[in-house]
Amino acid sequence: MQIKQFEFNPLGENTYVLYDDSRECVVIDPGCFFPDEKAQLTEFIDEHDLTVKHLINTHLHFDHIFGSAFVEQTYGIRTEAHPADEFMLDGLAQRMQMFGFRGEVPPPTIGRYLHEGDSILFGSQTLDILEVPGHSPGSIAFYNAQQGCIFVGDALFRGSIGRTDLEGGNHQQLLDAIRTKLFTLPPETVVYSGHGPATTIGFEMQHNPFFA
C-alpha cells in the first residue's frame, strides 16, 4: 500500500490518499480549503490514474472536512464517518468563525456510518475501524494490519494527544481509548496523525508525557 500525505489549510491538517497496485484508493480527512489545495489532491489522483472507492473521516471537526463536499461531487461518492460526530455538521459556518474562518463550506453528506468492527476494503487492502473517542465523541481510527500502520486523526500525536476542550471532548475517555485501543497494537505500528509528523505506538508508549 502506498501512502500520500498532504498538509492542507491554515491549521496544518494532514489529508491522506491510500492506494495499491489495483489503483483503487481511499481519501482520509479531506482538509483541502483553498482552490490550489483542491487542485493538488485531484491532480495527484488523476496523475496516478486512481479510482476513489471511499471517502472516510476519522472525525468531523471542520478542518478535516473542508474538502469533503468537493471530493464527493468530483468522484460521485459520499462521506463515511461515525454517527456520534454528525452533530458537528450543524452550524458549520459558526463553528468555523470561532477559529477565524470566513465563508461558506458545504457540509459532507454521510453515506455510511462506521463503527468499531467495520472494515473499509479497497484493492487488496483492509482498514479495520477502532473507536477512539475523547477528542470528539465519534473519533475513529483506521488500522491496516498488513502494512502495520494506523490513521488516528487527532486522537494521538507524536509526544501529545488531541485536545479535549471542544464540544463533546472528554480527557479521561481519550486516555482510556488510547491505552485500550491503540497501545495494544504492535509497538512497531506506524501512527499517522491528523496534524504533525508520524510516530510509532512503541515510541508513544515510552515517551508520550501523557502516559509517563
Protein backbone atom coordinates (compact mmCIF):
# COMPACT_ATOMS: atom_id res chain seq x y z
CA MET A 1 0.00 0.00 0.00
CA GLN A 2 1.21 3.47 -0.91
CA ILE A 3 0.53 6.48 1.31
CA LYS A 4 0.42 10.04 0.04
CA GLN A 5 0.22 12.73 2.72
CA PHE A 6 -0.87 16.31 2.11
CA GLU A 7 -0.79 19.18 4.60
CA PHE A 8 -3.79 21.41 3.99
CA ASN A 9 -5.45 24.58 5.30
CA PRO A 10 -4.08 27.10 7.81
CA LEU A 11 -4.37 24.58 10.66
CA GLY A 12 -1.87 22.22 9.01
CA GLU A 13 -4.26 19.28 8.71
CA ASN A 14 -3.00 16.00 7.24
CA THR A 15 -5.05 14.52 4.42
CA TYR A 16 -4.11 11.03 3.22
CA VAL A 17 -4.62 9.13 -0.02
CA LEU A 18 -4.04 5.37 0.27
CA TYR A 19 -3.75 3.16 -2.80
CA ASP A 20 -2.20 -0.05 -4.09
CA ASP A 21 -1.45 -1.74 -7.40
CA SER A 22 -5.16 -2.09 -8.13
CA ARG A 23 -5.32 1.72 -8.47
CA GLU A 24 -8.25 1.79 -6.09
CA CYS A 25 -7.81 4.38 -3.35
CA VAL A 26 -9.35 5.93 -0.27
CA VAL A 27 -9.20 9.56 0.82
CA ILE A 28 -8.93 10.18 4.57
CA ASP A 29 -9.93 13.53 6.11
CA PRO A 30 -10.02 15.85 3.08
CA GLY A 31 -8.99 19.15 4.66
CA CYS A 32 -8.30 21.00 1.40
CA PHE A 33 -9.63 24.56 1.88
CA PHE A 34 -8.09 26.71 -0.84
CA PRO A 35 -8.59 26.11 -4.59
CA ASP A 36 -4.93 25.25 -5.09
CA GLU A 37 -5.17 22.62 -2.35
CA LYS A 38 -8.17 21.02 -4.01
CA ALA A 39 -6.21 21.03 -7.27
CA GLN A 40 -3.24 19.32 -5.58
CA LEU A 41 -5.50 16.50 -4.42
CA THR A 42 -7.28 15.93 -7.73
CA GLU A 43 -4.08 16.25 -9.77
CA PHE A 44 -2.42 13.54 -7.68
CA ILE A 45 -5.41 11.23 -8.08
CA ASP A 46 -5.58 11.90 -11.82
CA GLU A 47 -1.83 11.57 -12.41
CA HIS A 48 -1.80 8.16 -10.71
CA ASP A 49 -4.97 7.06 -12.50
CA LEU A 50 -6.68 6.25 -9.21
CA THR A 51 -10.31 5.32 -8.62
CA VAL A 52 -11.66 6.75 -5.38
CA LYS A 53 -13.57 3.95 -3.64
CA HIS A 54 -14.06 5.52 -0.21
CA LEU A 55 -14.05 8.95 1.41
CA ILE A 56 -13.56 8.32 5.12
CA ASN A 57 -13.19 10.57 8.16
CA THR A 58 -11.52 9.96 11.49
CA HIS A 59 -13.80 12.67 12.91
CA LEU A 60 -15.86 15.61 11.68
CA HIS A 61 -14.14 18.73 13.02
CA PHE A 62 -14.29 21.39 10.33
CA ASP A 63 -10.59 21.38 9.47
CA HIS A 64 -10.91 17.72 8.47
CA ILE A 65 -13.97 18.19 6.22
CA PHE A 66 -13.25 21.42 4.34
CA GLY A 67 -12.89 19.46 1.10
CA SER A 68 -15.45 16.74 1.73
CA ALA A 69 -18.28 18.10 -0.42
CA PHE A 70 -15.77 18.83 -3.19
CA VAL A 71 -14.46 15.25 -3.16
CA GLU A 72 -18.00 13.89 -3.01
CA GLN A 73 -19.05 15.90 -6.06
CA THR A 74 -15.87 15.25 -8.01
CA TYR A 75 -15.86 11.47 -7.58
CA GLY A 76 -19.53 10.68 -7.04
CA ILE A 77 -19.17 9.20 -3.55
CA ARG A 78 -20.35 10.00 -0.03
CA THR A 79 -18.51 10.51 3.25
CA GLU A 80 -18.22 7.62 5.71
CA ALA A 81 -17.88 8.54 9.39
CA HIS A 82 -19.06 7.70 12.90
CA PRO A 83 -22.60 8.91 13.68
CA ALA A 84 -21.63 10.40 17.05
CA ASP A 85 -19.88 13.27 15.26
CA GLU A 86 -22.72 14.14 12.87
CA PHE A 87 -24.00 16.91 15.16
CA MET A 88 -20.90 18.94 14.26
CA LEU A 89 -22.22 19.47 10.74
CA ASP A 90 -24.99 21.73 12.06
CA GLY A 91 -23.91 25.35 12.26
CA LEU A 92 -20.66 24.62 10.44
CA ALA A 93 -20.10 28.25 9.44
CA GLN A 94 -20.47 29.41 13.05
CA ARG A 95 -18.01 26.79 14.24
CA MET A 96 -15.53 27.94 11.61
CA GLN A 97 -15.93 31.60 12.56
CA MET A 98 -14.88 30.80 16.13
CA PHE A 99 -11.44 30.00 14.68
CA GLY A 100 -11.32 32.90 12.23
CA PHE A 101 -12.50 31.14 9.07
CA ARG A 102 -14.93 33.08 6.87
CA GLY A 103 -17.18 31.95 4.08
CA GLU A 104 -19.45 29.03 3.43
CA VAL A 105 -18.23 25.45 3.29
CA PRO A 106 -20.90 22.91 2.37
CA PRO A 107 -21.01 20.05 4.87
CA PRO A 108 -20.40 16.48 3.78
CA THR A 109 -23.20 14.05 3.12
CA ILE A 110 -22.89 10.97 5.30
CA GLY A 111 -23.49 7.93 3.14
CA ARG A 112 -22.40 5.25 5.60
CA TYR A 113 -21.99 5.16 9.35
CA LEU A 114 -18.83 3.50 10.59
CA HIS A 115 -18.48 1.62 13.89
CA GLU A 116 -15.80 -0.48 15.54
CA GLY A 117 -15.68 -3.87 13.86
CA ASP A 118 -16.48 -2.47 10.42
CA SER A 119 -13.87 -2.55 7.66
CA ILE A 120 -13.01 -0.43 4.65
CA LEU A 121 -11.97 -2.50 1.62
CA PHE A 122 -10.11 -1.27 -1.45
CA GLY A 123 -7.84 -3.16 -3.80
CA SER A 124 -6.22 -5.89 -1.70
CA GLN A 125 -6.24 -3.70 1.41
CA THR A 126 -8.34 -3.76 4.58
CA LEU A 127 -8.72 -0.92 7.06
CA ASP A 128 -10.20 -2.10 10.36
CA ILE A 129 -12.08 0.50 12.36
CA LEU A 130 -11.33 1.20 16.03
CA GLU A 131 -13.35 3.63 18.12
CA VAL A 132 -11.11 6.09 19.98
CA PRO A 133 -13.47 8.74 21.41
CA GLY A 134 -12.35 11.63 23.55
CA HIS A 135 -11.08 14.25 21.12
CA SER A 136 -14.59 14.04 19.71
CA PRO A 137 -17.40 11.62 20.55
CA GLY A 138 -17.14 9.86 17.22
CA SER A 139 -13.39 9.72 16.70
CA ILE A 140 -12.29 6.54 14.95
CA ALA A 141 -9.00 5.14 13.66
CA PHE A 142 -8.24 3.09 10.55
CA TYR A 143 -5.82 0.21 11.12
CA ASN A 144 -4.08 -1.63 8.30
CA ALA A 145 -2.58 -4.76 9.83
CA GLN A 146 -0.98 -5.79 6.53
CA GLN A 147 1.02 -2.56 6.38
CA GLY A 148 1.46 -2.18 10.13
CA CYS A 149 0.07 1.33 10.28
CA ILE A 150 -2.89 3.22 11.69
CA PHE A 151 -4.53 6.55 10.86
CA VAL A 152 -5.71 8.07 14.13
CA GLY A 153 -6.93 11.56 13.29
CA ASP A 154 -6.46 13.85 16.28
CA ALA A 155 -6.53 11.18 18.98
CA LEU A 156 -2.76 10.74 19.25
CA PHE A 157 0.20 12.84 18.12
CA ARG A 158 3.95 12.48 18.39
CA GLY A 159 4.53 13.37 22.02
CA SER A 160 1.00 14.52 22.66
CA ILE A 161 -2.72 13.75 22.45
CA GLY A 162 -5.71 15.51 20.96
CA ARG A 163 -7.30 18.46 22.72
CA THR A 164 -10.43 17.62 24.67
CA ASP A 165 -11.84 21.09 25.38
CA LEU A 166 -14.02 21.19 22.26
CA GLU A 167 -17.69 20.23 22.25
CA GLY A 168 -18.12 16.58 23.19
CA GLY A 169 -14.50 16.12 24.21
CA ASN A 170 -13.55 14.03 27.23
CA HIS A 171 -9.98 13.86 28.50
CA GLN A 172 -10.24 10.65 30.53
CA GLN A 173 -12.18 8.92 27.77
CA LEU A 174 -9.40 9.76 25.31
CA LEU A 175 -6.66 8.47 27.61
CA ASP A 176 -8.59 5.24 28.16
CA ALA A 177 -9.20 4.78 24.43
CA ILE A 178 -5.52 5.26 23.60
CA ARG A 179 -4.47 2.76 26.26
CA THR A 180 -7.03 0.08 25.36
CA LYS A 181 -7.33 0.50 21.59
CA LEU A 182 -4.02 1.91 20.34
CA PHE A 183 -1.39 0.82 22.86
CA THR A 184 -2.49 -2.80 22.44
CA LEU A 185 -1.25 -2.74 18.83
CA PRO A 186 2.27 -3.96 17.95
CA PRO A 187 4.86 -1.38 19.09
CA GLU A 188 6.28 -1.05 15.59
CA THR A 189 2.90 0.13 14.24
CA VAL A 190 3.34 3.45 12.42
CA VAL A 191 0.91 6.13 13.57
CA TYR A 192 -0.28 8.71 11.04
CA SER A 193 -1.93 11.63 12.81
CA GLY A 194 -4.27 14.38 11.73
CA HIS A 195 -1.55 17.01 12.30
CA GLY A 196 2.22 16.81 12.53
CA PRO A 197 4.70 14.01 11.85
CA ALA A 198 4.23 10.26 12.02
CA THR A 199 5.27 8.30 15.07
CA THR A 200 5.01 4.72 16.33
CA ILE A 201 2.98 3.03 19.03
CA GLY A 202 6.16 1.93 20.80
CA PHE A 203 7.62 5.45 20.86
CA GLU A 204 4.44 6.91 22.33
CA MET A 205 4.13 4.19 24.97
CA GLN A 206 7.66 5.00 26.15
CA HIS A 207 7.89 8.75 25.64
CA ASN A 208 4.46 10.38 25.45
CA PRO A 209 4.24 12.57 28.59
CA PHE A 210 0.52 11.89 29.00
CA PHE A 211 1.33 8.26 29.75
CA ALA A 212 4.57 8.62 31.70
